[in-house]
Amino acid sequence: MLLELEHGIVFVQQAGQTLYMPPFCTHVSMGIENCTSAYYYVATATQFPAALKHIPWRVAVIRREAPEMHQTQLADYASAILYTLEQVLRGDFDKALNIVALHKNMCDSWNENKDKVYALCAAIEDPTKADGFKDGFKRAWIEFLERKCVLQENGKKLATCQLCKNPINKMSGNKADRLVRHFLQKHWPRADANGVQEAVDKVEIARFTEGKAHQIGKARKGA
């Protein structure tokens, strides 16, 4: 079979060797004798914003390659995306990186690809897990937007939404929930129309703003 392959590059990987594959590089692995292989993915802070656009491709691969285990793998994939997003938005990485530029790229990527993130969550059949991931993405962004607003206010600047640059003082709602309301109505996927409608209820708003006054107070103190 190997002799019938055409084009591309063919090589034999020896025991103890590690091969680095660029993102989304099509490849085929074949065992020519009994062996064990292991692989893992690396998501860098600078590459992650652009990676969101490839979510549908990854979901398709998971469904095709692991039909019996695809629900578990989809949940693992959503968990990895959420975890990495949280780290990027918090700035939990090498401070030598240009954080301002990275956060701008992350905001642009979210505006372009948020429906793909939502579709990943919706592909998870367990409603408890799916809703948990949706809440996780909402919370990560809301905390990031609130944190940026506090820094702007402490710097005597006009506080704005980092996703669209709209001034906070022009948003509807009271001071405690207006940014949450703005994010859910303007920056959460439209595919979740029912969820957004429910989210603007005081009950849902309170769930995301609970304890926020204390957190923002601490941020102002420490700034």
N, C-alpha and C. Protein backbone atom coordinates (compact mmCIF):
# COMPACT_ATOMS: atom_id res chain seq x y z
N MET A 1 0.82 -1.21 0.00
CA MET A 1 0.00 0.00 0.00
C MET A 1 0.86 1.27 0.00
N LEU A 2 1.94 1.24 0.80
CA LEU A 2 2.81 2.41 0.87
C LEU A 2 3.41 2.73 -0.48
N LEU A 3 3.72 1.67 -1.26
CA LEU A 3 4.34 1.88 -2.56
C LEU A 3 3.37 2.49 -3.57
N GLU A 4 2.05 2.42 -3.26
CA GLU A 4 1.05 2.96 -4.17
C GLU A 4 0.76 4.44 -3.94
N LEU A 5 1.25 4.99 -2.84
CA LEU A 5 0.98 6.40 -2.52
C LEU A 5 1.73 7.32 -3.48
N GLU A 6 1.12 8.43 -3.81
CA GLU A 6 1.73 9.41 -4.70
C GLU A 6 1.74 10.79 -4.07
N HIS A 7 2.73 11.57 -4.42
CA HIS A 7 2.86 12.97 -3.97
C HIS A 7 3.12 13.01 -2.45
N GLY A 8 3.24 14.19 -1.91
CA GLY A 8 3.46 14.33 -0.48
C GLY A 8 4.86 13.90 -0.06
N ILE A 9 5.05 13.76 1.23
CA ILE A 9 6.34 13.37 1.81
C ILE A 9 6.11 12.11 2.64
N VAL A 10 6.95 11.12 2.48
CA VAL A 10 6.83 9.86 3.23
C VAL A 10 8.11 9.65 4.03
N PHE A 11 7.99 9.31 5.29
CA PHE A 11 9.16 8.99 6.11
C PHE A 11 8.75 8.04 7.22
N VAL A 12 9.71 7.38 7.80
CA VAL A 12 9.47 6.44 8.90
C VAL A 12 9.91 7.10 10.20
N GLN A 13 8.99 7.20 11.14
CA GLN A 13 9.28 7.79 12.45
C GLN A 13 9.78 6.69 13.37
N GLN A 14 10.94 6.89 13.96
CA GLN A 14 11.55 5.89 14.82
C GLN A 14 11.12 6.09 16.28
N ALA A 15 11.28 5.04 17.07
CA ALA A 15 10.93 5.10 18.49
C ALA A 15 11.68 6.24 19.16
N GLY A 16 10.96 7.03 19.96
CA GLY A 16 11.57 8.14 20.69
C GLY A 16 11.58 9.44 19.93
N GLN A 17 11.20 9.43 18.67
CA GLN A 17 11.18 10.65 17.87
C GLN A 17 9.84 11.36 18.00
N THR A 18 9.87 12.69 17.94
CA THR A 18 8.67 13.52 18.01
C THR A 18 8.53 14.30 16.72
N LEU A 19 7.33 14.31 16.19
CA LEU A 19 7.06 15.03 14.95
C LEU A 19 6.11 16.18 15.24
N TYR A 20 6.47 17.38 14.81
CA TYR A 20 5.60 18.55 14.96
C TYR A 20 4.88 18.79 13.64
N MET A 21 3.54 18.82 13.69
CA MET A 21 2.72 19.08 12.51
C MET A 21 2.11 20.47 12.62
N PRO A 22 2.25 21.30 11.59
CA PRO A 22 1.60 22.62 11.62
C PRO A 22 0.08 22.46 11.72
N PRO A 23 -0.61 23.45 12.25
CA PRO A 23 -2.07 23.37 12.39
C PRO A 23 -2.76 23.08 11.05
N PHE A 24 -3.70 22.13 11.09
CA PHE A 24 -4.57 21.80 9.95
C PHE A 24 -3.80 21.33 8.71
N CYS A 25 -2.67 20.68 8.95
CA CYS A 25 -1.90 20.08 7.87
C CYS A 25 -2.40 18.65 7.68
N THR A 26 -2.96 18.36 6.52
CA THR A 26 -3.50 17.03 6.25
C THR A 26 -2.38 16.00 6.25
N HIS A 27 -2.60 14.88 6.95
CA HIS A 27 -1.57 13.85 7.02
C HIS A 27 -2.21 12.49 7.32
N VAL A 28 -1.45 11.44 7.07
CA VAL A 28 -1.89 10.07 7.33
C VAL A 28 -0.78 9.35 8.08
N SER A 29 -1.16 8.62 9.14
CA SER A 29 -0.18 7.83 9.89
C SER A 29 -0.51 6.35 9.74
N MET A 30 0.50 5.53 9.48
CA MET A 30 0.31 4.09 9.34
C MET A 30 1.36 3.36 10.16
N GLY A 31 0.93 2.32 10.87
CA GLY A 31 1.86 1.50 11.62
C GLY A 31 2.37 0.37 10.74
N ILE A 32 3.68 0.30 10.49
CA ILE A 32 4.23 -0.76 9.65
C ILE A 32 4.61 -1.99 10.49
N GLU A 33 4.49 -1.85 11.81
CA GLU A 33 4.66 -2.98 12.73
C GLU A 33 3.94 -2.63 14.01
N ASN A 34 3.81 -3.59 14.93
CA ASN A 34 3.13 -3.31 16.19
C ASN A 34 3.87 -2.21 16.95
N CYS A 35 3.13 -1.18 17.32
CA CYS A 35 3.75 -0.06 18.03
C CYS A 35 2.69 0.74 18.77
N THR A 36 3.13 1.64 19.62
CA THR A 36 2.24 2.54 20.36
C THR A 36 2.66 3.97 20.06
N SER A 37 1.68 4.80 19.74
CA SER A 37 2.00 6.21 19.47
C SER A 37 1.13 7.09 20.35
N ALA A 38 1.60 8.28 20.60
CA ALA A 38 0.85 9.25 21.42
C ALA A 38 0.94 10.61 20.74
N TYR A 39 -0.10 11.42 20.90
CA TYR A 39 -0.08 12.74 20.29
C TYR A 39 -0.80 13.73 21.19
N TYR A 40 -0.52 14.99 21.03
CA TYR A 40 -1.22 16.03 21.76
C TYR A 40 -1.18 17.31 20.94
N TYR A 41 -2.08 18.24 21.32
CA TYR A 41 -2.17 19.51 20.60
C TYR A 41 -1.63 20.63 21.49
N VAL A 42 -0.99 21.59 20.86
CA VAL A 42 -0.48 22.76 21.57
C VAL A 42 -1.19 24.00 21.03
N ALA A 43 -1.81 24.77 21.92
CA ALA A 43 -2.48 26.01 21.51
C ALA A 43 -1.71 27.18 22.12
N THR A 44 -1.09 27.99 21.28
CA THR A 44 -0.37 29.16 21.77
C THR A 44 -1.32 30.35 21.85
N ALA A 45 -0.97 31.28 22.69
CA ALA A 45 -1.84 32.45 22.89
C ALA A 45 -2.01 33.24 21.59
N THR A 46 -0.94 33.37 20.82
CA THR A 46 -1.01 34.17 19.60
C THR A 46 -1.78 33.46 18.49
N GLN A 47 -1.76 32.13 18.47
CA GLN A 47 -2.47 31.37 17.44
C GLN A 47 -3.94 31.14 17.78
N PHE A 48 -4.26 31.18 19.06
CA PHE A 48 -5.60 30.77 19.48
C PHE A 48 -6.74 31.59 18.87
N PRO A 49 -6.65 32.93 18.80
CA PRO A 49 -7.78 33.68 18.22
C PRO A 49 -8.15 33.19 16.82
N ALA A 50 -7.14 32.91 15.99
CA ALA A 50 -7.42 32.45 14.62
C ALA A 50 -7.96 31.03 14.60
N ALA A 51 -7.69 30.26 15.66
CA ALA A 51 -8.11 28.85 15.69
C ALA A 51 -9.62 28.69 15.78
N LEU A 52 -10.32 29.71 16.28
CA LEU A 52 -11.77 29.58 16.46
C LEU A 52 -12.49 29.34 15.13
N LYS A 53 -11.96 29.87 14.04
CA LYS A 53 -12.65 29.71 12.76
C LYS A 53 -12.61 28.27 12.26
N HIS A 54 -11.71 27.46 12.84
CA HIS A 54 -11.58 26.06 12.41
C HIS A 54 -12.41 25.10 13.26
N ILE A 55 -13.22 25.61 14.18
CA ILE A 55 -14.01 24.74 15.04
C ILE A 55 -14.89 23.77 14.25
N PRO A 56 -15.63 24.22 13.21
CA PRO A 56 -16.47 23.27 12.47
C PRO A 56 -15.67 22.12 11.85
N TRP A 57 -14.48 22.43 11.37
CA TRP A 57 -13.62 21.38 10.81
C TRP A 57 -13.27 20.35 11.87
N ARG A 58 -12.88 20.82 13.05
CA ARG A 58 -12.49 19.90 14.12
C ARG A 58 -13.68 19.06 14.58
N VAL A 59 -14.85 19.66 14.66
CA VAL A 59 -16.06 18.92 15.05
C VAL A 59 -16.34 17.82 14.03
N ALA A 60 -16.19 18.12 12.74
CA ALA A 60 -16.43 17.13 11.69
C ALA A 60 -15.45 15.97 11.80
N VAL A 61 -14.19 16.29 12.10
CA VAL A 61 -13.17 15.25 12.25
C VAL A 61 -13.50 14.34 13.43
N ILE A 62 -13.91 14.93 14.54
CA ILE A 62 -14.25 14.15 15.73
C ILE A 62 -15.41 13.20 15.43
N ARG A 63 -16.43 13.71 14.76
CA ARG A 63 -17.60 12.87 14.44
C ARG A 63 -17.25 11.74 13.49
N ARG A 64 -16.32 11.99 12.57
CA ARG A 64 -15.97 10.98 11.59
C ARG A 64 -15.03 9.93 12.17
N GLU A 65 -14.04 10.37 12.96
CA GLU A 65 -13.01 9.45 13.43
C GLU A 65 -13.40 8.69 14.69
N ALA A 66 -14.32 9.24 15.47
CA ALA A 66 -14.69 8.58 16.73
C ALA A 66 -16.20 8.60 16.92
N PRO A 67 -16.95 7.91 16.02
CA PRO A 67 -18.42 7.97 16.10
C PRO A 67 -18.98 7.49 17.43
N GLU A 68 -18.34 6.50 18.05
CA GLU A 68 -18.85 5.95 19.31
C GLU A 68 -18.46 6.80 20.51
N MET A 69 -17.40 7.58 20.36
CA MET A 69 -16.89 8.38 21.48
C MET A 69 -16.98 9.88 21.19
N HIS A 70 -17.69 10.26 20.13
CA HIS A 70 -17.61 11.65 19.71
C HIS A 70 -18.20 12.62 20.72
N GLN A 71 -19.19 12.20 21.50
CA GLN A 71 -19.75 13.10 22.50
C GLN A 71 -18.74 13.42 23.60
N THR A 72 -18.00 12.41 24.02
CA THR A 72 -16.95 12.64 25.03
C THR A 72 -15.87 13.56 24.47
N GLN A 73 -15.48 13.32 23.23
CA GLN A 73 -14.42 14.13 22.63
C GLN A 73 -14.88 15.55 22.33
N LEU A 74 -16.15 15.71 21.97
CA LEU A 74 -16.67 17.07 21.76
C LEU A 74 -16.64 17.86 23.07
N ALA A 75 -17.02 17.19 24.17
CA ALA A 75 -16.98 17.86 25.48
C ALA A 75 -15.54 18.21 25.86
N ASP A 76 -14.61 17.31 25.59
CA ASP A 76 -13.20 17.59 25.88
C ASP A 76 -12.70 18.76 25.05
N TYR A 77 -13.11 18.81 23.79
CA TYR A 77 -12.69 19.89 22.90
C TYR A 77 -13.27 21.23 23.36
N ALA A 78 -14.55 21.25 23.73
CA ALA A 78 -15.18 22.47 24.23
C ALA A 78 -14.49 22.93 25.51
N SER A 79 -14.14 21.98 26.36
CA SER A 79 -13.45 22.31 27.61
C SER A 79 -12.08 22.94 27.33
N ALA A 80 -11.36 22.40 26.34
CA ALA A 80 -10.04 22.95 25.99
C ALA A 80 -10.17 24.36 25.41
N ILE A 81 -11.18 24.57 24.56
CA ILE A 81 -11.39 25.89 23.97
C ILE A 81 -11.71 26.90 25.08
N LEU A 82 -12.61 26.53 25.99
CA LEU A 82 -13.00 27.43 27.08
C LEU A 82 -11.81 27.73 27.98
N TYR A 83 -11.05 26.71 28.35
CA TYR A 83 -9.89 26.90 29.24
C TYR A 83 -8.88 27.86 28.60
N THR A 84 -8.58 27.64 27.31
CA THR A 84 -7.60 28.49 26.63
C THR A 84 -8.10 29.92 26.51
N LEU A 85 -9.40 30.08 26.19
CA LEU A 85 -9.97 31.42 26.11
C LEU A 85 -9.83 32.15 27.45
N GLU A 86 -10.12 31.46 28.54
CA GLU A 86 -10.00 32.07 29.87
C GLU A 86 -8.57 32.54 30.13
N GLN A 87 -7.58 31.71 29.77
CA GLN A 87 -6.18 32.08 29.99
C GLN A 87 -5.80 33.30 29.16
N VAL A 88 -6.25 33.33 27.90
CA VAL A 88 -5.91 34.45 27.02
C VAL A 88 -6.54 35.74 27.54
N LEU A 89 -7.82 35.68 27.92
CA LEU A 89 -8.51 36.88 28.38
C LEU A 89 -7.95 37.38 29.71
N ARG A 90 -7.45 36.47 30.54
CA ARG A 90 -6.86 36.88 31.82
C ARG A 90 -5.42 37.35 31.66
N GLY A 91 -4.80 37.02 30.53
CA GLY A 91 -3.40 37.38 30.33
C GLY A 91 -2.46 36.46 31.06
N ASP A 92 -2.89 35.19 31.27
CA ASP A 92 -2.07 34.22 32.01
C ASP A 92 -1.05 33.56 31.08
N PHE A 93 -0.05 34.32 30.64
CA PHE A 93 0.96 33.78 29.75
C PHE A 93 2.17 34.71 29.79
N ASP A 94 3.13 34.43 28.93
CA ASP A 94 4.37 35.21 28.87
C ASP A 94 4.07 36.70 28.67
N LYS A 95 4.48 37.50 29.65
CA LYS A 95 4.18 38.94 29.61
C LYS A 95 4.96 39.67 28.52
N ALA A 96 5.89 38.96 27.86
CA ALA A 96 6.63 39.60 26.76
C ALA A 96 5.73 39.79 25.55
N LEU A 97 4.61 39.07 25.51
CA LEU A 97 3.67 39.21 24.40
C LEU A 97 2.97 40.56 24.47
N ASN A 98 2.55 41.05 23.33
CA ASN A 98 1.79 42.30 23.25
C ASN A 98 0.34 41.99 23.63
N ILE A 99 0.00 42.17 24.91
CA ILE A 99 -1.32 41.78 25.40
C ILE A 99 -2.43 42.61 24.77
N VAL A 100 -2.18 43.89 24.56
CA VAL A 100 -3.20 44.75 23.96
C VAL A 100 -3.57 44.25 22.57
N ALA A 101 -2.56 43.96 21.75
CA ALA A 101 -2.81 43.46 20.40
C ALA A 101 -3.47 42.09 20.42
N LEU A 102 -3.03 41.25 21.36
CA LEU A 102 -3.61 39.91 21.46
C LEU A 102 -5.08 39.97 21.84
N HIS A 103 -5.42 40.82 22.80
CA HIS A 103 -6.82 40.96 23.22
C HIS A 103 -7.67 41.55 22.09
N LYS A 104 -7.10 42.45 21.31
CA LYS A 104 -7.84 42.98 20.17
C LYS A 104 -8.14 41.88 19.16
N ASN A 105 -7.13 41.05 18.88
CA ASN A 105 -7.33 39.93 17.96
C ASN A 105 -8.36 38.95 18.49
N MET A 106 -8.34 38.74 19.82
CA MET A 106 -9.30 37.82 20.42
C MET A 106 -10.71 38.37 20.31
N CYS A 107 -10.87 39.66 20.52
CA CYS A 107 -12.20 40.29 20.39
C CYS A 107 -12.70 40.22 18.95
N ASP A 108 -11.82 40.50 18.00
CA ASP A 108 -12.21 40.42 16.59
C ASP A 108 -12.61 39.00 16.21
N SER A 109 -11.85 38.03 16.70
CA SER A 109 -12.13 36.63 16.39
C SER A 109 -13.46 36.20 16.99
N TRP A 110 -13.75 36.65 18.21
CA TRP A 110 -15.03 36.30 18.83
C TRP A 110 -16.20 36.88 18.03
N ASN A 111 -16.08 38.12 17.62
CA ASN A 111 -17.15 38.74 16.83
C ASN A 111 -17.41 37.98 15.53
N GLU A 112 -16.35 37.42 14.95
CA GLU A 112 -16.48 36.70 13.68
C GLU A 112 -16.90 35.25 13.86
N ASN A 113 -16.52 34.64 14.98
CA ASN A 113 -16.67 33.18 15.12
C ASN A 113 -17.52 32.72 16.30
N LYS A 114 -18.21 33.63 16.96
CA LYS A 114 -18.98 33.24 18.14
C LYS A 114 -20.06 32.21 17.82
N ASP A 115 -20.63 32.27 16.62
CA ASP A 115 -21.64 31.28 16.24
C ASP A 115 -21.05 29.88 16.14
N LYS A 116 -19.79 29.79 15.77
CA LYS A 116 -19.12 28.49 15.69
C LYS A 116 -18.88 27.92 17.08
N VAL A 117 -18.54 28.79 18.02
CA VAL A 117 -18.36 28.35 19.41
C VAL A 117 -19.69 27.87 19.97
N TYR A 118 -20.76 28.62 19.68
CA TYR A 118 -22.08 28.22 20.15
C TYR A 118 -22.50 26.89 19.53
N ALA A 119 -22.21 26.69 18.24
CA ALA A 119 -22.56 25.44 17.56
C ALA A 119 -21.83 24.26 18.19
N LEU A 120 -20.58 24.48 18.63
CA LEU A 120 -19.84 23.42 19.32
C LEU A 120 -20.56 23.03 20.61
N CYS A 121 -20.99 24.02 21.38
CA CYS A 121 -21.72 23.73 22.62
C CYS A 121 -23.04 23.02 22.31
N ALA A 122 -23.72 23.47 21.26
CA ALA A 122 -25.01 22.89 20.90
C ALA A 122 -24.86 21.45 20.40
N ALA A 123 -23.68 21.09 19.90
CA ALA A 123 -23.45 19.72 19.41
C ALA A 123 -23.32 18.71 20.54
N ILE A 124 -23.14 19.21 21.76
CA ILE A 124 -23.04 18.33 22.93
C ILE A 124 -24.46 17.98 23.38
N GLU A 125 -24.80 16.70 23.35
CA GLU A 125 -26.18 16.27 23.56
C GLU A 125 -26.63 16.34 25.01
N ASP A 126 -25.70 16.26 25.94
CA ASP A 126 -26.05 16.37 27.36
C ASP A 126 -26.38 17.84 27.66
N PRO A 127 -27.64 18.17 27.94
CA PRO A 127 -28.01 19.58 28.13
C PRO A 127 -27.30 20.25 29.30
N THR A 128 -27.02 19.48 30.35
CA THR A 128 -26.33 20.06 31.50
C THR A 128 -24.91 20.47 31.13
N LYS A 129 -24.21 19.60 30.39
CA LYS A 129 -22.85 19.93 29.95
C LYS A 129 -22.87 21.09 28.96
N ALA A 130 -23.81 21.03 28.01
CA ALA A 130 -23.89 22.08 26.99
C ALA A 130 -24.14 23.44 27.62
N ASP A 131 -25.10 23.50 28.56
CA ASP A 131 -25.40 24.77 29.23
C ASP A 131 -24.23 25.23 30.08
N GLY A 132 -23.51 24.26 30.67
CA GLY A 132 -22.35 24.61 31.48
C GLY A 132 -21.27 25.28 30.65
N PHE A 133 -21.03 24.77 29.45
CA PHE A 133 -20.03 25.40 28.57
C PHE A 133 -20.50 26.77 28.11
N LYS A 134 -21.78 26.89 27.76
CA LYS A 134 -22.31 28.20 27.35
C LYS A 134 -22.12 29.22 28.47
N ASP A 135 -22.46 28.85 29.69
CA ASP A 135 -22.28 29.75 30.83
C ASP A 135 -20.81 30.09 31.03
N GLY A 136 -19.94 29.11 30.80
CA GLY A 136 -18.51 29.34 30.96
C GLY A 136 -17.99 30.39 29.98
N PHE A 137 -18.42 30.31 28.73
CA PHE A 137 -18.01 31.30 27.74
C PHE A 137 -18.58 32.68 28.07
N LYS A 138 -19.83 32.71 28.50
CA LYS A 138 -20.44 33.99 28.89
C LYS A 138 -19.65 34.62 30.04
N ARG A 139 -19.38 33.82 31.05
CA ARG A 139 -18.71 34.35 32.24
C ARG A 139 -17.30 34.84 31.92
N ALA A 140 -16.58 34.09 31.09
CA ALA A 140 -15.21 34.48 30.74
C ALA A 140 -15.19 35.85 30.08
N TRP A 141 -16.13 36.07 29.16
CA TRP A 141 -16.17 37.36 28.46
C TRP A 141 -16.66 38.48 29.35
N ILE A 142 -17.68 38.21 30.14
CA ILE A 142 -18.22 39.26 31.02
C ILE A 142 -17.17 39.71 32.03
N GLU A 143 -16.44 38.76 32.61
CA GLU A 143 -15.40 39.12 33.57
C GLU A 143 -14.30 39.93 32.89
N PHE A 144 -13.94 39.55 31.67
CA PHE A 144 -12.92 40.29 30.92
C PHE A 144 -13.39 41.72 30.63
N LEU A 145 -14.61 41.87 30.15
CA LEU A 145 -15.14 43.20 29.82
C LEU A 145 -15.23 44.09 31.06
N GLU A 146 -15.68 43.51 32.18
CA GLU A 146 -15.77 44.27 33.43
C GLU A 146 -14.39 44.71 33.89
N ARG A 147 -13.42 43.80 33.78
CA ARG A 147 -12.06 44.11 34.23
C ARG A 147 -11.46 45.24 33.41
N LYS A 148 -11.69 45.22 32.10
CA LYS A 148 -11.17 46.28 31.23
C LYS A 148 -11.83 47.62 31.55
N CYS A 149 -13.12 47.59 31.87
CA CYS A 149 -13.82 48.83 32.21
C CYS A 149 -13.25 49.45 33.48
N VAL A 150 -12.95 48.61 34.46
CA VAL A 150 -12.36 49.11 35.71
C VAL A 150 -11.02 49.76 35.44
N LEU A 151 -10.19 49.14 34.59
CA LEU A 151 -8.88 49.71 34.27
C LEU A 151 -9.03 51.06 33.56
N GLN A 152 -10.01 51.16 32.67
CA GLN A 152 -10.25 52.42 31.97
C GLN A 152 -10.69 53.50 32.94
N GLU A 153 -11.61 53.15 33.85
CA GLU A 153 -12.10 54.13 34.81
C GLU A 153 -10.99 54.58 35.75
N ASN A 154 -10.13 53.63 36.17
CA ASN A 154 -9.01 54.00 37.04
C ASN A 154 -8.01 54.89 36.32
N GLY A 155 -7.94 54.75 35.01
CA GLY A 155 -7.05 55.60 34.21
C GLY A 155 -7.72 56.88 33.75
N LYS A 156 -8.90 57.15 34.33
CA LYS A 156 -9.66 58.37 34.01
C LYS A 156 -10.06 58.43 32.53
N LYS A 157 -10.34 57.25 31.97
CA LYS A 157 -10.77 57.18 30.58
C LYS A 157 -12.24 56.78 30.51
N LEU A 158 -12.86 57.04 29.38
CA LEU A 158 -14.24 56.64 29.16
C LEU A 158 -14.29 55.12 29.03
N ALA A 159 -15.06 54.46 29.88
CA ALA A 159 -15.16 53.01 29.85
C ALA A 159 -15.97 52.58 28.63
N THR A 160 -15.43 51.62 27.88
CA THR A 160 -16.10 51.13 26.68
C THR A 160 -16.11 49.61 26.65
N CYS A 161 -17.00 49.05 25.84
CA CYS A 161 -17.01 47.61 25.60
C CYS A 161 -15.85 47.28 24.68
N GLN A 162 -15.00 46.35 25.08
CA GLN A 162 -13.83 46.00 24.28
C GLN A 162 -14.19 45.31 22.97
N LEU A 163 -15.40 44.76 22.90
CA LEU A 163 -15.82 44.03 21.70
C LEU A 163 -16.35 44.95 20.60
N CYS A 164 -16.88 46.11 20.98
CA CYS A 164 -17.45 47.01 19.97
C CYS A 164 -17.13 48.47 20.20
N LYS A 165 -16.46 48.78 21.33
CA LYS A 165 -16.04 50.15 21.66
C LYS A 165 -17.20 51.08 21.98
N ASN A 166 -18.39 50.56 22.21
CA ASN A 166 -19.51 51.41 22.64
C ASN A 166 -19.29 51.87 24.08
N PRO A 167 -19.53 53.14 24.36
CA PRO A 167 -19.35 53.64 25.74
C PRO A 167 -20.34 52.97 26.70
N ILE A 168 -19.85 52.61 27.88
CA ILE A 168 -20.70 51.93 28.86
C ILE A 168 -21.83 52.84 29.32
N ASN A 169 -21.55 54.15 29.45
CA ASN A 169 -22.58 55.05 29.97
C ASN A 169 -23.73 55.28 28.98
N LYS A 170 -23.60 54.78 27.75
CA LYS A 170 -24.68 54.90 26.77
C LYS A 170 -25.54 53.64 26.71
N MET A 171 -25.17 52.62 27.49
CA MET A 171 -25.89 51.35 27.45
C MET A 171 -27.10 51.38 28.35
N SER A 172 -28.13 50.61 27.98
CA SER A 172 -29.35 50.55 28.79
C SER A 172 -29.12 49.67 30.01
N GLY A 173 -29.95 49.88 31.02
CA GLY A 173 -29.83 49.12 32.26
C GLY A 173 -29.14 49.91 33.34
N ASN A 174 -29.18 49.37 34.56
CA ASN A 174 -28.52 50.07 35.65
C ASN A 174 -27.03 49.77 35.64
N LYS A 175 -26.29 50.45 36.48
CA LYS A 175 -24.83 50.36 36.45
C LYS A 175 -24.33 48.95 36.73
N ALA A 176 -25.07 48.20 37.55
CA ALA A 176 -24.63 46.87 37.95
C ALA A 176 -24.75 45.84 36.84
N ASP A 177 -25.74 46.00 35.95
CA ASP A 177 -25.98 44.94 34.97
C ASP A 177 -25.91 45.36 33.51
N ARG A 178 -25.64 46.63 33.24
CA ARG A 178 -25.75 47.10 31.85
C ARG A 178 -24.73 46.44 30.93
N LEU A 179 -23.50 46.18 31.41
CA LEU A 179 -22.50 45.55 30.55
C LEU A 179 -22.87 44.09 30.28
N VAL A 180 -23.40 43.42 31.31
CA VAL A 180 -23.86 42.04 31.14
C VAL A 180 -24.98 41.99 30.11
N ARG A 181 -25.94 42.88 30.28
CA ARG A 181 -27.08 42.95 29.36
C ARG A 181 -26.59 43.23 27.92
N HIS A 182 -25.65 44.16 27.79
CA HIS A 182 -25.11 44.52 26.48
C HIS A 182 -24.44 43.32 25.82
N PHE A 183 -23.61 42.60 26.58
CA PHE A 183 -22.92 41.44 26.01
C PHE A 183 -23.91 40.37 25.56
N LEU A 184 -24.89 40.07 26.39
CA LEU A 184 -25.85 39.01 26.04
C LEU A 184 -26.70 39.38 24.84
N GLN A 185 -27.01 40.66 24.70
CA GLN A 185 -27.86 41.08 23.59
C GLN A 185 -27.09 41.33 22.30
N LYS A 186 -25.84 41.80 22.41
CA LYS A 186 -25.09 42.21 21.22
C LYS A 186 -23.97 41.25 20.82
N HIS A 187 -23.41 40.55 21.79
CA HIS A 187 -22.21 39.77 21.50
C HIS A 187 -22.33 38.28 21.80
N TRP A 188 -23.51 37.84 22.21
CA TRP A 188 -23.74 36.41 22.35
C TRP A 188 -24.45 35.94 21.08
N PRO A 189 -24.15 34.72 20.58
CA PRO A 189 -24.69 34.28 19.28
C PRO A 189 -26.20 34.44 19.14
N ARG A 190 -26.62 34.95 18.00
CA ARG A 190 -28.04 35.12 17.70
C ARG A 190 -28.75 33.78 17.58
N ALA A 191 -27.97 32.71 17.33
CA ALA A 191 -28.57 31.38 17.23
C ALA A 191 -29.27 31.00 18.53
N ASP A 192 -28.81 31.57 19.63
CA ASP A 192 -29.40 31.30 20.94
C ASP A 192 -30.44 32.35 21.26
N ALA A 193 -31.35 32.60 20.33
CA ALA A 193 -32.33 33.68 20.50
C ALA A 193 -33.15 33.51 21.77
N ASN A 194 -33.61 32.28 22.02
CA ASN A 194 -34.40 32.05 23.22
C ASN A 194 -33.58 32.26 24.48
N GLY A 195 -32.32 31.79 24.42
CA GLY A 195 -31.45 31.96 25.58
C GLY A 195 -31.17 33.41 25.88
N VAL A 196 -31.00 34.20 24.82
CA VAL A 196 -30.75 35.64 25.01
C VAL A 196 -31.97 36.31 25.61
N GLN A 197 -33.14 35.95 25.12
CA GLN A 197 -34.36 36.55 25.65
C GLN A 197 -34.50 36.24 27.13
N GLU A 198 -34.20 35.00 27.51
CA GLU A 198 -34.26 34.63 28.92
C GLU A 198 -33.15 35.33 29.70
N ALA A 199 -32.01 35.52 29.05
CA ALA A 199 -30.85 36.09 29.74
C ALA A 199 -31.05 37.52 30.16
N VAL A 200 -31.91 38.25 29.45
CA VAL A 200 -32.12 39.64 29.83
C VAL A 200 -33.10 39.76 30.99
N ASP A 201 -33.64 38.63 31.44
CA ASP A 201 -34.46 38.65 32.64
C ASP A 201 -33.58 39.00 33.84
N LYS A 202 -34.16 39.56 34.86
CA LYS A 202 -33.39 39.92 36.05
C LYS A 202 -32.76 38.70 36.70
N VAL A 203 -33.44 37.55 36.62
CA VAL A 203 -32.91 36.34 37.25
C VAL A 203 -31.57 35.96 36.64
N GLU A 204 -31.51 35.95 35.30
CA GLU A 204 -30.28 35.57 34.62
C GLU A 204 -29.21 36.64 34.81
N ILE A 205 -29.61 37.90 34.69
CA ILE A 205 -28.65 38.99 34.89
C ILE A 205 -28.03 38.89 36.28
N ALA A 206 -28.87 38.63 37.27
CA ALA A 206 -28.37 38.54 38.64
C ALA A 206 -27.37 37.40 38.80
N ARG A 207 -27.57 36.32 38.02
CA ARG A 207 -26.67 35.17 38.13
C ARG A 207 -25.26 35.54 37.70
N PHE A 208 -25.15 36.41 36.70
CA PHE A 208 -23.83 36.80 36.21
C PHE A 208 -23.26 38.01 36.94
N THR A 209 -24.11 38.79 37.58
CA THR A 209 -23.61 39.97 38.30
C THR A 209 -23.44 39.69 39.79
N GLU A 210 -23.86 38.53 40.25
CA GLU A 210 -23.76 38.20 41.68
C GLU A 210 -22.31 38.26 42.13
N GLY A 211 -22.08 39.03 43.17
CA GLY A 211 -20.74 39.15 43.72
C GLY A 211 -19.82 40.06 42.92
N LYS A 212 -20.34 40.63 41.82
CA LYS A 212 -19.49 41.45 40.95
C LYS A 212 -19.08 42.76 41.62
N ALA A 213 -19.99 43.31 42.40
CA ALA A 213 -19.66 44.57 43.08
C ALA A 213 -18.44 44.38 43.98
N HIS A 214 -18.39 43.24 44.67
CA HIS A 214 -17.27 42.96 45.55
C HIS A 214 -15.98 42.79 44.71
N GLN A 215 -16.07 42.05 43.59
CA GLN A 215 -14.90 41.81 42.75
C GLN A 215 -14.39 43.12 42.15
N ILE A 216 -15.30 43.95 41.66
CA ILE A 216 -14.90 45.21 41.05
C ILE A 216 -14.28 46.14 42.11
N GLY A 217 -14.85 46.10 43.31
CA GLY A 217 -14.30 46.90 44.40
C GLY A 217 -12.86 46.50 44.72
N LYS A 218 -12.60 45.18 44.72
CA LYS A 218 -11.25 44.69 44.98
C LYS A 218 -10.32 45.13 43.86
N ALA A 219 -10.80 45.07 42.62
CA ALA A 219 -9.96 45.46 41.48
C ALA A 219 -9.60 46.93 41.56
N ARG A 220 -10.57 47.77 41.93
CA ARG A 220 -10.31 49.21 42.05
C ARG A 220 -9.27 49.48 43.15
N LYS A 221 -9.40 48.71 44.26
CA LYS A 221 -8.49 48.89 45.38
C LYS A 221 -7.06 48.53 44.99
N GLY A 222 -6.96 47.40 44.25
CA GLY A 222 -5.62 46.90 43.93
C GLY A 222 -4.96 47.61 42.77
N ALA A 223 -5.74 48.39 42.02
CA ALA A 223 -5.19 49.05 40.84
C ALA A 223 -4.26 50.19 41.23
